[in-house]
Amino acid sequence: MRDAVDADELLRRIRRARDRAAEQERAWRERAGRLRVSDPDEAREASVRGLAYEAVLGVLQEVVDPGGPPPAECGVKQVT
């Protein structure tokens, strides 16, 4: 990252990353739900990936809105 960017551009980039993390978290959560019965191992992997995106989403949300409410807690259910 060699180009200097102003604060507004940096905030736009962080918001795009936050939105992308939210999309990915939803997609992996849905995949885990679909695979729960048919392929428990793949469902577990999808669940872990969803949790990783959930963590990233939380961090980016805190950067954009310090001290604000956390992202909706819909999380991925653990597959056993």
PDB file of N, CA and C in Angstrom:
ATOM      1  N   MET A   1       0.853  -1.167   0.000  1.00  0.00           N
ATOM      2  CA  MET A   1       0.000   0.000   0.000  1.00  0.00           C
ATOM      3  C   MET A   1       0.894   1.224   0.000  1.00  0.00           C
ATOM      4  N   ARG A   2       1.177   1.714  -1.171  1.00  0.00           N
ATOM      5  CA  ARG A   2       2.092   2.844  -1.299  1.00  0.00           C
ATOM      6  C   ARG A   2       1.373   4.173  -1.450  1.00  0.00           C
ATOM      7  N   ASP A   3       0.141   4.136  -1.913  1.00  0.00           N
ATOM      8  CA  ASP A   3      -0.597   5.372  -2.117  1.00  0.00           C
ATOM      9  C   ASP A   3      -1.170   5.865  -0.804  1.00  0.00           C
ATOM     10  N   ALA A   4      -0.973   7.146  -0.553  1.00  0.00           N
ATOM     11  CA  ALA A   4      -1.569   7.749   0.639  1.00  0.00           C
ATOM     12  C   ALA A   4      -3.054   7.972   0.371  1.00  0.00           C
ATOM     13  N   VAL A   5      -3.880   7.649   1.348  1.00  0.00           N
ATOM     14  CA  VAL A   5      -5.313   7.869   1.211  1.00  0.00           C
ATOM     15  C   VAL A   5      -5.785   8.738   2.370  1.00  0.00           C
ATOM     16  N   ASP A   6      -6.808   9.517   2.104  1.00  0.00           N
ATOM     17  CA  ASP A   6      -7.339  10.359   3.175  1.00  0.00           C
ATOM     18  C   ASP A   6      -8.257   9.535   4.079  1.00  0.00           C
ATOM     19  N   ALA A   7      -8.678  10.140   5.170  1.00  0.00           N
ATOM     20  CA  ALA A   7      -9.486   9.434   6.170  1.00  0.00           C
ATOM     21  C   ALA A   7     -10.812   8.967   5.595  1.00  0.00           C
ATOM     22  N   ASP A   8     -11.425   9.773   4.718  1.00  0.00           N
ATOM     23  CA  ASP A   8     -12.710   9.372   4.141  1.00  0.00           C
ATOM     24  C   ASP A   8     -12.563   8.123   3.275  1.00  0.00           C
ATOM     25  N   GLU A   9     -11.517   8.070   2.481  1.00  0.00           N
ATOM     26  CA  GLU A   9     -11.294   6.897   1.632  1.00  0.00           C
ATOM     27  C   GLU A   9     -10.995   5.672   2.490  1.00  0.00           C
ATOM     28  N   LEU A  10     -10.215   5.857   3.527  1.00  0.00           N
ATOM     29  CA  LEU A  10      -9.912   4.740   4.429  1.00  0.00           C
ATOM     30  C   LEU A  10     -11.189   4.210   5.083  1.00  0.00           C
ATOM     31  N   LEU A  11     -12.058   5.112   5.512  1.00  0.00           N
ATOM     32  CA  LEU A  11     -13.321   4.696   6.120  1.00  0.00           C
ATOM     33  C   LEU A  11     -14.200   3.958   5.109  1.00  0.00           C
ATOM     34  N   ARG A  12     -14.233   4.434   3.864  1.00  0.00           N
ATOM     35  CA  ARG A  12     -14.999   3.743   2.824  1.00  0.00           C
ATOM     36  C   ARG A  12     -14.470   2.325   2.616  1.00  0.00           C
ATOM     37  N   ARG A  13     -13.173   2.176   2.602  1.00  0.00           N
ATOM     38  CA  ARG A  13     -12.575   0.854   2.414  1.00  0.00           C
ATOM     39  C   ARG A  13     -12.890  -0.081   3.578  1.00  0.00           C
ATOM     40  N   ILE A  14     -12.837   0.452   4.776  1.00  0.00           N
ATOM     41  CA  ILE A  14     -13.142  -0.364   5.949  1.00  0.00           C
ATOM     42  C   ILE A  14     -14.607  -0.781   5.922  1.00  0.00           C
ATOM     43  N   ARG A  15     -15.492   0.134   5.539  1.00  0.00           N
ATOM     44  CA  ARG A  15     -16.920  -0.207   5.461  1.00  0.00           C
ATOM     45  C   ARG A  15     -17.186  -1.269   4.404  1.00  0.00           C
ATOM     46  N   ARG A  16     -16.491  -1.174   3.260  1.00  0.00           N
ATOM     47  CA  ARG A  16     -16.644  -2.212   2.232  1.00  0.00           C
ATOM     48  C   ARG A  16     -16.176  -3.559   2.761  1.00  0.00           C
ATOM     49  N   ALA A  17     -15.061  -3.552   3.475  1.00  0.00           N
ATOM     50  CA  ALA A  17     -14.543  -4.795   4.053  1.00  0.00           C
ATOM     51  C   ALA A  17     -15.521  -5.348   5.087  1.00  0.00           C
ATOM     52  N   ARG A  18     -16.124  -4.472   5.881  1.00  0.00           N
ATOM     53  CA  ARG A  18     -17.107  -4.896   6.880  1.00  0.00           C
ATOM     54  C   ARG A  18     -18.325  -5.523   6.202  1.00  0.00           C
ATOM     55  N   ASP A  19     -18.804  -4.880   5.134  1.00  0.00           N
ATOM     56  CA  ASP A  19     -19.958  -5.408   4.409  1.00  0.00           C
ATOM     57  C   ASP A  19     -19.643  -6.761   3.785  1.00  0.00           C
ATOM     58  N   ARG A  20     -18.444  -6.891   3.257  1.00  0.00           N
ATOM     59  CA  ARG A  20     -18.023  -8.163   2.654  1.00  0.00           C
ATOM     60  C   ARG A  20     -17.932  -9.257   3.719  1.00  0.00           C
ATOM     61  N   ALA A  21     -17.403  -8.915   4.887  1.00  0.00           N
ATOM     62  CA  ALA A  21     -17.315  -9.891   5.976  1.00  0.00           C
ATOM     63  C   ALA A  21     -18.710 -10.334   6.406  1.00  0.00           C
ATOM     64  N   ALA A  22     -19.668  -9.403   6.431  1.00  0.00           N
ATOM     65  CA  ALA A  22     -21.039  -9.753   6.802  1.00  0.00           C
ATOM     66  C   ALA A  22     -21.648 -10.706   5.776  1.00  0.00           C
ATOM     67  N   GLU A  23     -21.395 -10.444   4.491  1.00  0.00           N
ATOM     68  CA  GLU A  23     -21.905 -11.327   3.438  1.00  0.00           C
ATOM     69  C   GLU A  23     -21.323 -12.729   3.569  1.00  0.00           C
ATOM     70  N   GLN A  24     -20.019 -12.791   3.786  1.00  0.00           N
ATOM     71  CA  GLN A  24     -19.355 -14.088   3.895  1.00  0.00           C
ATOM     72  C   GLN A  24     -19.813 -14.843   5.143  1.00  0.00           C
ATOM     73  N   GLU A  25     -19.997 -14.128   6.239  1.00  0.00           N
ATOM     74  CA  GLU A  25     -20.456 -14.772   7.464  1.00  0.00           C
ATOM     75  C   GLU A  25     -21.831 -15.399   7.251  1.00  0.00           C
ATOM     76  N   ARG A  26     -22.720 -14.666   6.585  1.00  0.00           N
ATOM     77  CA  ARG A  26     -24.062 -15.197   6.294  1.00  0.00           C
ATOM     78  C   ARG A  26     -23.979 -16.415   5.376  1.00  0.00           C
ATOM     79  N   ALA A  27     -23.149 -16.304   4.334  1.00  0.00           N
ATOM     80  CA  ALA A  27     -23.041 -17.400   3.366  1.00  0.00           C
ATOM     81  C   ALA A  27     -22.516 -18.673   4.027  1.00  0.00           C
ATOM     82  N   TRP A  28     -21.496 -18.556   4.870  1.00  0.00           N
ATOM     83  CA  TRP A  28     -20.945 -19.742   5.522  1.00  0.00           C
ATOM     84  C   TRP A  28     -21.914 -20.310   6.545  1.00  0.00           C
ATOM     85  N   ARG A  29     -22.662 -19.437   7.229  1.00  0.00           N
ATOM     86  CA  ARG A  29     -23.667 -19.902   8.195  1.00  0.00           C
ATOM     87  C   ARG A  29     -24.755 -20.693   7.471  1.00  0.00           C
ATOM     88  N   GLU A  30     -25.197 -20.167   6.324  1.00  0.00           N
ATOM     89  CA  GLU A  30     -26.221 -20.872   5.545  1.00  0.00           C
ATOM     90  C   GLU A  30     -25.700 -22.212   5.040  1.00  0.00           C
ATOM     91  N   ARG A  31     -24.462 -22.218   4.592  1.00  0.00           N
ATOM     92  CA  ARG A  31     -23.877 -23.469   4.104  1.00  0.00           C
ATOM     93  C   ARG A  31     -23.786 -24.495   5.230  1.00  0.00           C
ATOM     94  N   ALA A  32     -23.380 -24.054   6.402  1.00  0.00           N
ATOM     95  CA  ALA A  32     -23.299 -24.973   7.544  1.00  0.00           C
ATOM     96  C   ALA A  32     -24.672 -25.561   7.841  1.00  0.00           C
ATOM     97  N   GLY A  33     -25.701 -24.738   7.761  1.00  0.00           N
ATOM     98  CA  GLY A  33     -27.059 -25.225   8.010  1.00  0.00           C
ATOM     99  C   GLY A  33     -27.500 -26.252   6.987  1.00  0.00           C
ATOM    100  N   ARG A  34     -27.169 -26.002   5.716  1.00  0.00           N
ATOM    101  CA  ARG A  34     -27.552 -26.949   4.661  1.00  0.00           C
ATOM    102  C   ARG A  34     -26.823 -28.279   4.790  1.00  0.00           C
ATOM    103  N   LEU A  35     -25.583 -28.232   5.250  1.00  0.00           N
ATOM    104  CA  LEU A  35     -24.759 -29.443   5.299  1.00  0.00           C
ATOM    105  C   LEU A  35     -24.882 -30.218   6.606  1.00  0.00           C
ATOM    106  N   ARG A  36     -25.548 -29.660   7.580  1.00  0.00           N
ATOM    107  CA  ARG A  36     -25.590 -30.251   8.917  1.00  0.00           C
ATOM    108  C   ARG A  36     -25.969 -31.732   8.895  1.00  0.00           C
ATOM    109  N   VAL A  37     -26.973 -32.084   8.118  1.00  0.00           N
ATOM    110  CA  VAL A  37     -27.445 -33.478   8.096  1.00  0.00           C
ATOM    111  C   VAL A  37     -26.653 -34.329   7.109  1.00  0.00           C
ATOM    112  N   SER A  38     -26.407 -33.780   5.933  1.00  0.00           N
ATOM    113  CA  SER A  38     -25.800 -34.582   4.869  1.00  0.00           C
ATOM    114  C   SER A  38     -24.294 -34.780   5.010  1.00  0.00           C
ATOM    115  N   ASP A  39     -23.580 -33.785   5.548  1.00  0.00           N
ATOM    116  CA  ASP A  39     -22.124 -33.886   5.640  1.00  0.00           C
ATOM    117  C   ASP A  39     -21.633 -33.139   6.887  1.00  0.00           C
ATOM    118  N   PRO A  40     -21.660 -33.797   8.035  1.00  0.00           N
ATOM    119  CA  PRO A  40     -21.298 -33.124   9.285  1.00  0.00           C
ATOM    120  C   PRO A  40     -19.887 -32.541   9.302  1.00  0.00           C
ATOM    121  N   ASP A  41     -18.934 -33.210   8.656  1.00  0.00           N
ATOM    122  CA  ASP A  41     -17.567 -32.686   8.647  1.00  0.00           C
ATOM    123  C   ASP A  41     -17.490 -31.368   7.883  1.00  0.00           C
ATOM    124  N   GLU A  42     -18.115 -31.326   6.718  1.00  0.00           N
ATOM    125  CA  GLU A  42     -18.128 -30.086   5.930  1.00  0.00           C
ATOM    126  C   GLU A  42     -18.927 -29.011   6.653  1.00  0.00           C
ATOM    127  N   ALA A  43     -19.983 -29.399   7.348  1.00  0.00           N
ATOM    128  CA  ALA A  43     -20.773 -28.433   8.115  1.00  0.00           C
ATOM    129  C   ALA A  43     -19.929 -27.822   9.220  1.00  0.00           C
ATOM    130  N   ARG A  44     -19.113 -28.623   9.855  1.00  0.00           N
ATOM    131  CA  ARG A  44     -18.229 -28.132  10.917  1.00  0.00           C
ATOM    132  C   ARG A  44     -17.229 -27.134  10.345  1.00  0.00           C
ATOM    133  N   GLU A  45     -16.649 -27.459   9.195  1.00  0.00           N
ATOM    134  CA  GLU A  45     -15.697 -26.540   8.563  1.00  0.00           C
ATOM    135  C   GLU A  45     -16.381 -25.225   8.186  1.00  0.00           C
ATOM    136  N   ALA A  46     -17.576 -25.316   7.628  1.00  0.00           N
ATOM    137  CA  ALA A  46     -18.312 -24.112   7.262  1.00  0.00           C
ATOM    138  C   ALA A  46     -18.641 -23.293   8.505  1.00  0.00           C
ATOM    139  N   SER A  47     -18.956 -23.969   9.582  1.00  0.00           N
ATOM    140  CA  SER A  47     -19.255 -23.289  10.836  1.00  0.00           C
ATOM    141  C   SER A  47     -18.039 -22.515  11.346  1.00  0.00           C
ATOM    142  N   VAL A  48     -16.871 -23.128  11.277  1.00  0.00           N
ATOM    143  CA  VAL A  48     -15.633 -22.472  11.722  1.00  0.00           C
ATOM    144  C   VAL A  48     -15.341 -21.256  10.846  1.00  0.00           C
ATOM    145  N   ARG A  49     -15.518 -21.403   9.551  1.00  0.00           N
ATOM    146  CA  ARG A  49     -15.297 -20.261   8.656  1.00  0.00           C
ATOM    147  C   ARG A  49     -16.277 -19.129   8.960  1.00  0.00           C
ATOM    148  N   GLY A  50     -17.508 -19.481   9.252  1.00  0.00           N
ATOM    149  CA  GLY A  50     -18.493 -18.471   9.620  1.00  0.00           C
ATOM    150  C   GLY A  50     -18.092 -17.735  10.886  1.00  0.00           C
ATOM    151  N   LEU A  51     -17.576 -18.475  11.853  1.00  0.00           N
ATOM    152  CA  LEU A  51     -17.120 -17.844  13.093  1.00  0.00           C
ATOM    153  C   LEU A  51     -15.944 -16.902  12.841  1.00  0.00           C
ATOM    154  N   ALA A  52     -15.051 -17.284  11.934  1.00  0.00           N
ATOM    155  CA  ALA A  52     -13.921 -16.422  11.610  1.00  0.00           C
ATOM    156  C   ALA A  52     -14.406 -15.105  11.000  1.00  0.00           C
ATOM    157  N   TYR A  53     -15.345 -15.189  10.074  1.00  0.00           N
ATOM    158  CA  TYR A  53     -15.886 -13.962   9.482  1.00  0.00           C
ATOM    159  C   TYR A  53     -16.665 -13.151  10.501  1.00  0.00           C
ATOM    160  N   GLU A  54     -17.322 -13.817  11.441  1.00  0.00           N
ATOM    161  CA  GLU A  54     -18.040 -13.110  12.491  1.00  0.00           C
ATOM    162  C   GLU A  54     -17.063 -12.286  13.340  1.00  0.00           C
ATOM    163  N   ALA A  55     -15.893 -12.858  13.635  1.00  0.00           N
ATOM    164  CA  ALA A  55     -14.880 -12.142  14.407  1.00  0.00           C
ATOM    165  C   ALA A  55     -14.356 -10.933  13.634  1.00  0.00           C
ATOM    166  N   VAL A  56     -14.077 -11.131  12.350  1.00  0.00           N
ATOM    167  CA  VAL A  56     -13.603 -10.025  11.514  1.00  0.00           C
ATOM    168  C   VAL A  56     -14.654  -8.927  11.457  1.00  0.00           C
ATOM    169  N   LEU A  57     -15.901  -9.315  11.282  1.00  0.00           N
ATOM    170  CA  LEU A  57     -16.997  -8.353  11.233  1.00  0.00           C
ATOM    171  C   LEU A  57     -17.065  -7.541  12.522  1.00  0.00           C
ATOM    172  N   GLY A  58     -16.920  -8.189  13.648  1.00  0.00           N
ATOM    173  CA  GLY A  58     -16.950  -7.484  14.931  1.00  0.00           C
ATOM    174  C   GLY A  58     -15.835  -6.466  15.069  1.00  0.00           C
ATOM    175  N   VAL A  59     -14.647  -6.835  14.639  1.00  0.00           N
ATOM    176  CA  VAL A  59     -13.504  -5.916  14.715  1.00  0.00           C
ATOM    177  C   VAL A  59     -13.719  -4.719  13.795  1.00  0.00           C
ATOM    178  N   LEU A  60     -14.127  -4.968  12.561  1.00  0.00           N
ATOM    179  CA  LEU A  60     -14.347  -3.867  11.620  1.00  0.00           C
ATOM    180  C   LEU A  60     -15.483  -2.963  12.085  1.00  0.00           C
ATOM    181  N   GLN A  61     -16.513  -3.535  12.673  1.00  0.00           N
ATOM    182  CA  GLN A  61     -17.612  -2.724  13.200  1.00  0.00           C
ATOM    183  C   GLN A  61     -17.112  -1.821  14.322  1.00  0.00           C
ATOM    184  N   GLU A  62     -16.243  -2.333  15.161  1.00  0.00           N
ATOM    185  CA  GLU A  62     -15.698  -1.526  16.255  1.00  0.00           C
ATOM    186  C   GLU A  62     -14.826  -0.390  15.716  1.00  0.00           C
ATOM    187  N   VAL A  63     -14.114  -0.626  14.629  1.00  0.00           N
ATOM    188  CA  VAL A  63     -13.305   0.436  14.014  1.00  0.00           C
ATOM    189  C   VAL A  63     -14.212   1.528  13.464  1.00  0.00           C
ATOM    190  N   VAL A  64     -15.300   1.138  12.796  1.00  0.00           N
ATOM    191  CA  VAL A  64     -16.209   2.105  12.183  1.00  0.00           C
ATOM    192  C   VAL A  64     -17.046   2.824  13.233  1.00  0.00           C
ATOM    193  N   ASP A  65     -17.503   2.108  14.242  1.00  0.00           N
ATOM    194  CA  ASP A  65     -18.406   2.672  15.250  1.00  0.00           C
ATOM    195  C   ASP A  65     -17.926   2.270  16.640  1.00  0.00           C
ATOM    196  N   PRO A  66     -16.865   2.936  17.149  1.00  0.00           N
ATOM    197  CA  PRO A  66     -16.316   2.555  18.454  1.00  0.00           C
ATOM    198  C   PRO A  66     -17.357   2.654  19.564  1.00  0.00           C
ATOM    199  N   GLY A  67     -17.460   1.611  20.342  1.00  0.00           N
ATOM    200  CA  GLY A  67     -18.373   1.593  21.465  1.00  0.00           C
ATOM    201  C   GLY A  67     -19.829   1.416  21.083  1.00  0.00           C
ATOM    202  N   GLY A  68     -20.101   1.254  19.800  1.00  0.00           N
ATOM    203  CA  GLY A  68     -21.476   1.069  19.339  1.00  0.00           C
ATOM    204  C   GLY A  68     -21.956  -0.334  19.615  1.00  0.00           C
ATOM    205  N   PRO A  69     -23.196  -0.602  19.241  1.00  0.00           N
ATOM    206  CA  PRO A  69     -23.726  -1.946  19.465  1.00  0.00           C
ATOM    207  C   PRO A  69     -22.996  -2.960  18.589  1.00  0.00           C
ATOM    208  N   PRO A  70     -22.814  -4.177  19.102  1.00  0.00           N
ATOM    209  CA  PRO A  70     -22.153  -5.206  18.299  1.00  0.00           C
ATOM    210  C   PRO A  70     -23.042  -5.621  17.138  1.00  0.00           C
ATOM    211  N   PRO A  71     -22.445  -6.230  16.104  1.00  0.00           N
ATOM    212  CA  PRO A  71     -23.268  -6.742  15.006  1.00  0.00           C
ATOM    213  C   PRO A  71     -24.299  -7.720  15.553  1.00  0.00           C
ATOM    214  N   ALA A  72     -25.380  -7.887  14.824  1.00  0.00           N
ATOM    215  CA  ALA A  72     -26.450  -8.796  15.252  1.00  0.00           C
ATOM    216  C   ALA A  72     -25.855 -10.139  15.628  1.00  0.00           C
ATOM    217  N   GLU A  73     -26.269 -10.648  16.737  1.00  0.00           N
ATOM    218  CA  GLU A  73     -25.725 -11.909  17.221  1.00  0.00           C
ATOM    219  C   GLU A  73     -26.539 -13.079  16.710  1.00  0.00           C
ATOM    220  N   CYS A  74     -26.345 -13.381  15.419  1.00  0.00           N
ATOM    221  CA  CYS A  74     -27.048 -14.517  14.871  1.00  0.00           C
ATOM    222  C   CYS A  74     -26.121 -15.700  14.752  1.00  0.00           C
ATOM    223  N   GLY A  75     -24.836 -15.507  14.905  1.00  0.00           N
ATOM    224  CA  GLY A  75     -23.805 -16.531  14.954  1.00  0.00           C
ATOM    225  C   GLY A  75     -24.088 -17.852  14.291  1.00  0.00           C
ATOM    226  N   VAL A  76     -23.087 -18.657  14.208  1.00  0.00           N
ATOM    227  CA  VAL A  76     -23.197 -19.978  13.617  1.00  0.00           C
ATOM    228  C   VAL A  76     -23.376 -20.975  14.740  1.00  0.00           C
ATOM    229  N   LYS A  77     -24.351 -21.840  14.594  1.00  0.00           N
ATOM    230  CA  LYS A  77     -24.558 -22.866  15.606  1.00  0.00           C
ATOM    231  C   LYS A  77     -23.501 -23.937  15.449  1.00  0.00           C
ATOM    232  N   GLN A  78     -22.957 -24.367  16.567  1.00  0.00           N
ATOM    233  CA  GLN A  78     -21.927 -25.387  16.538  1.00  0.00           C
ATOM    234  C   GLN A  78     -22.535 -26.737  16.193  1.00  0.00           C
ATOM    235  N   VAL A  79     -21.867 -27.444  15.299  1.00  0.00           N
ATOM    236  CA  VAL A  79     -22.316 -28.763  14.890  1.00  0.00           C
ATOM    237  C   VAL A  79     -21.573 -29.794  15.715  1.00  0.00           C
ATOM    238  N   THR A  80     -22.324 -30.726  16.291  1.00  0.00           N
ATOM    239  CA  THR A  80     -21.662 -31.752  17.107  1.00  0.00           C
ATOM    240  C   THR A  80     -21.838 -33.113  16.493  1.00  0.00           C
TER     241      THR A  80
END
